[in-house]
Protein backbone atom coordinates (compact mmCIF):
# COMPACT_ATOMS: atom_id res chain seq x y z
CA MET A 1 -111.99 -69.67 -46.42
CA LYS A 2 -109.75 -68.43 -43.44
CA VAL A 3 -107.12 -65.97 -44.55
CA ILE A 4 -104.31 -64.05 -42.66
CA ILE A 5 -102.94 -60.92 -44.34
CA PHE A 6 -99.62 -59.40 -43.19
CA GLY A 7 -99.27 -55.77 -44.07
CA SER A 8 -102.95 -55.15 -43.96
CA GLY A 9 -102.59 -51.70 -43.17
CA GLY A 10 -100.88 -50.67 -46.50
CA GLN A 11 -102.23 -49.77 -49.78
CA LEU A 12 -102.22 -53.34 -51.40
CA GLY A 13 -102.86 -55.09 -48.07
CA THR A 14 -105.99 -52.73 -47.68
CA LYS A 15 -107.28 -53.63 -51.10
CA VAL A 16 -106.70 -57.44 -50.73
CA SER A 17 -108.36 -57.65 -47.48
CA GLY A 18 -111.33 -55.75 -48.70
CA LEU A 19 -111.77 -57.93 -51.98
CA LEU A 20 -111.45 -61.09 -49.66
CA ARG A 21 -114.09 -60.04 -47.27
CA GLN A 22 -116.35 -59.02 -50.19
CA ARG A 23 -116.09 -62.54 -51.51
CA GLY A 24 -117.13 -63.98 -48.13
CA HIS A 25 -113.86 -65.14 -46.67
CA SER A 26 -112.84 -64.79 -43.17
CA VAL A 27 -109.84 -62.39 -42.86
CA VAL A 28 -107.40 -61.73 -40.19
CA ASP A 29 -105.45 -58.61 -40.67
CA TYR A 30 -101.83 -57.93 -39.38
CA ASN A 31 -100.29 -54.65 -39.75
CA SER A 32 -96.84 -53.12 -38.53
CA LYS A 33 -98.22 -52.42 -35.13
CA ASP A 34 -99.26 -56.17 -34.75
CA CYS A 35 -96.34 -57.83 -36.34
CA ASP A 36 -92.81 -56.15 -36.58
CA PHE A 37 -91.12 -57.75 -39.49
CA THR A 38 -87.80 -56.22 -38.50
CA SER A 39 -87.87 -57.85 -35.19
CA GLN A 40 -85.49 -60.77 -34.26
CA ASN A 41 -88.42 -62.43 -32.53
CA LEU A 42 -90.81 -62.54 -35.58
CA LYS A 43 -90.28 -66.19 -36.29
CA SER A 44 -91.34 -67.21 -32.70
CA GLY A 45 -94.23 -64.64 -32.80
CA LEU A 46 -95.44 -66.27 -36.02
CA LYS A 47 -95.51 -69.69 -34.30
CA LYS A 48 -97.77 -68.14 -31.63
CA ILE A 49 -100.23 -66.86 -34.24
CA GLY A 50 -100.90 -70.51 -35.47
CA LEU A 51 -100.46 -70.19 -39.03
CA GLU A 52 -101.58 -73.68 -39.68
CA ASP A 53 -105.14 -72.81 -38.86
CA PHE A 54 -105.29 -70.57 -42.01
CA ARG A 55 -105.95 -71.95 -45.60
CA LEU A 56 -104.23 -68.98 -47.13
CA ILE A 57 -101.43 -66.65 -45.86
CA VAL A 58 -100.93 -63.45 -47.91
CA ASN A 59 -97.80 -61.07 -47.36
CA CYS A 60 -98.40 -57.65 -48.51
CA ALA A 61 -95.93 -56.28 -45.96
CA GLY A 62 -92.95 -54.69 -47.41
CA LEU A 63 -89.90 -52.56 -46.19
CA ILE A 64 -88.13 -50.24 -48.61
CA ASP A 65 -85.85 -48.36 -46.21
CA GLY A 66 -86.56 -48.19 -42.46
CA GLY A 67 -82.80 -47.87 -41.69
CA PHE A 68 -82.00 -50.97 -43.61
CA ASN A 69 -79.47 -49.46 -46.16
CA THR A 70 -78.44 -52.57 -47.90
CA PHE A 71 -80.02 -54.98 -50.42
CA ASP A 72 -79.30 -57.85 -48.14
CA LYS A 73 -81.06 -56.56 -45.13
CA ILE A 74 -84.09 -55.30 -47.25
CA PHE A 75 -84.26 -58.85 -48.87
CA ASN A 76 -84.09 -60.64 -45.56
CA VAL A 77 -86.96 -58.59 -44.10
CA ASN A 78 -89.15 -58.80 -47.23
CA VAL A 79 -88.49 -62.32 -48.27
CA ILE A 80 -86.11 -64.58 -46.13
CA ILE A 81 -88.39 -63.97 -42.93
CA PHE A 82 -91.06 -66.39 -44.47
CA GLN A 83 -88.85 -69.43 -45.24
């Protein structure tokens, strides 16, 4: 199965990516250098990736602070961006 993982550079993403590879899946990793979840251009960037080519999309990316000091801003970066 072809899988894309966002946040593959973090602790959870590294584990998930490794487990999926061990089970024979084709995994494409994206980390913060590849895809900036705080960017206003993220949605257009996701369209360029071609998400429809993947059977499974895993989001292990998360932002706790990074200058976003309100719950709403953190929620938007971690959750709303994929709607």
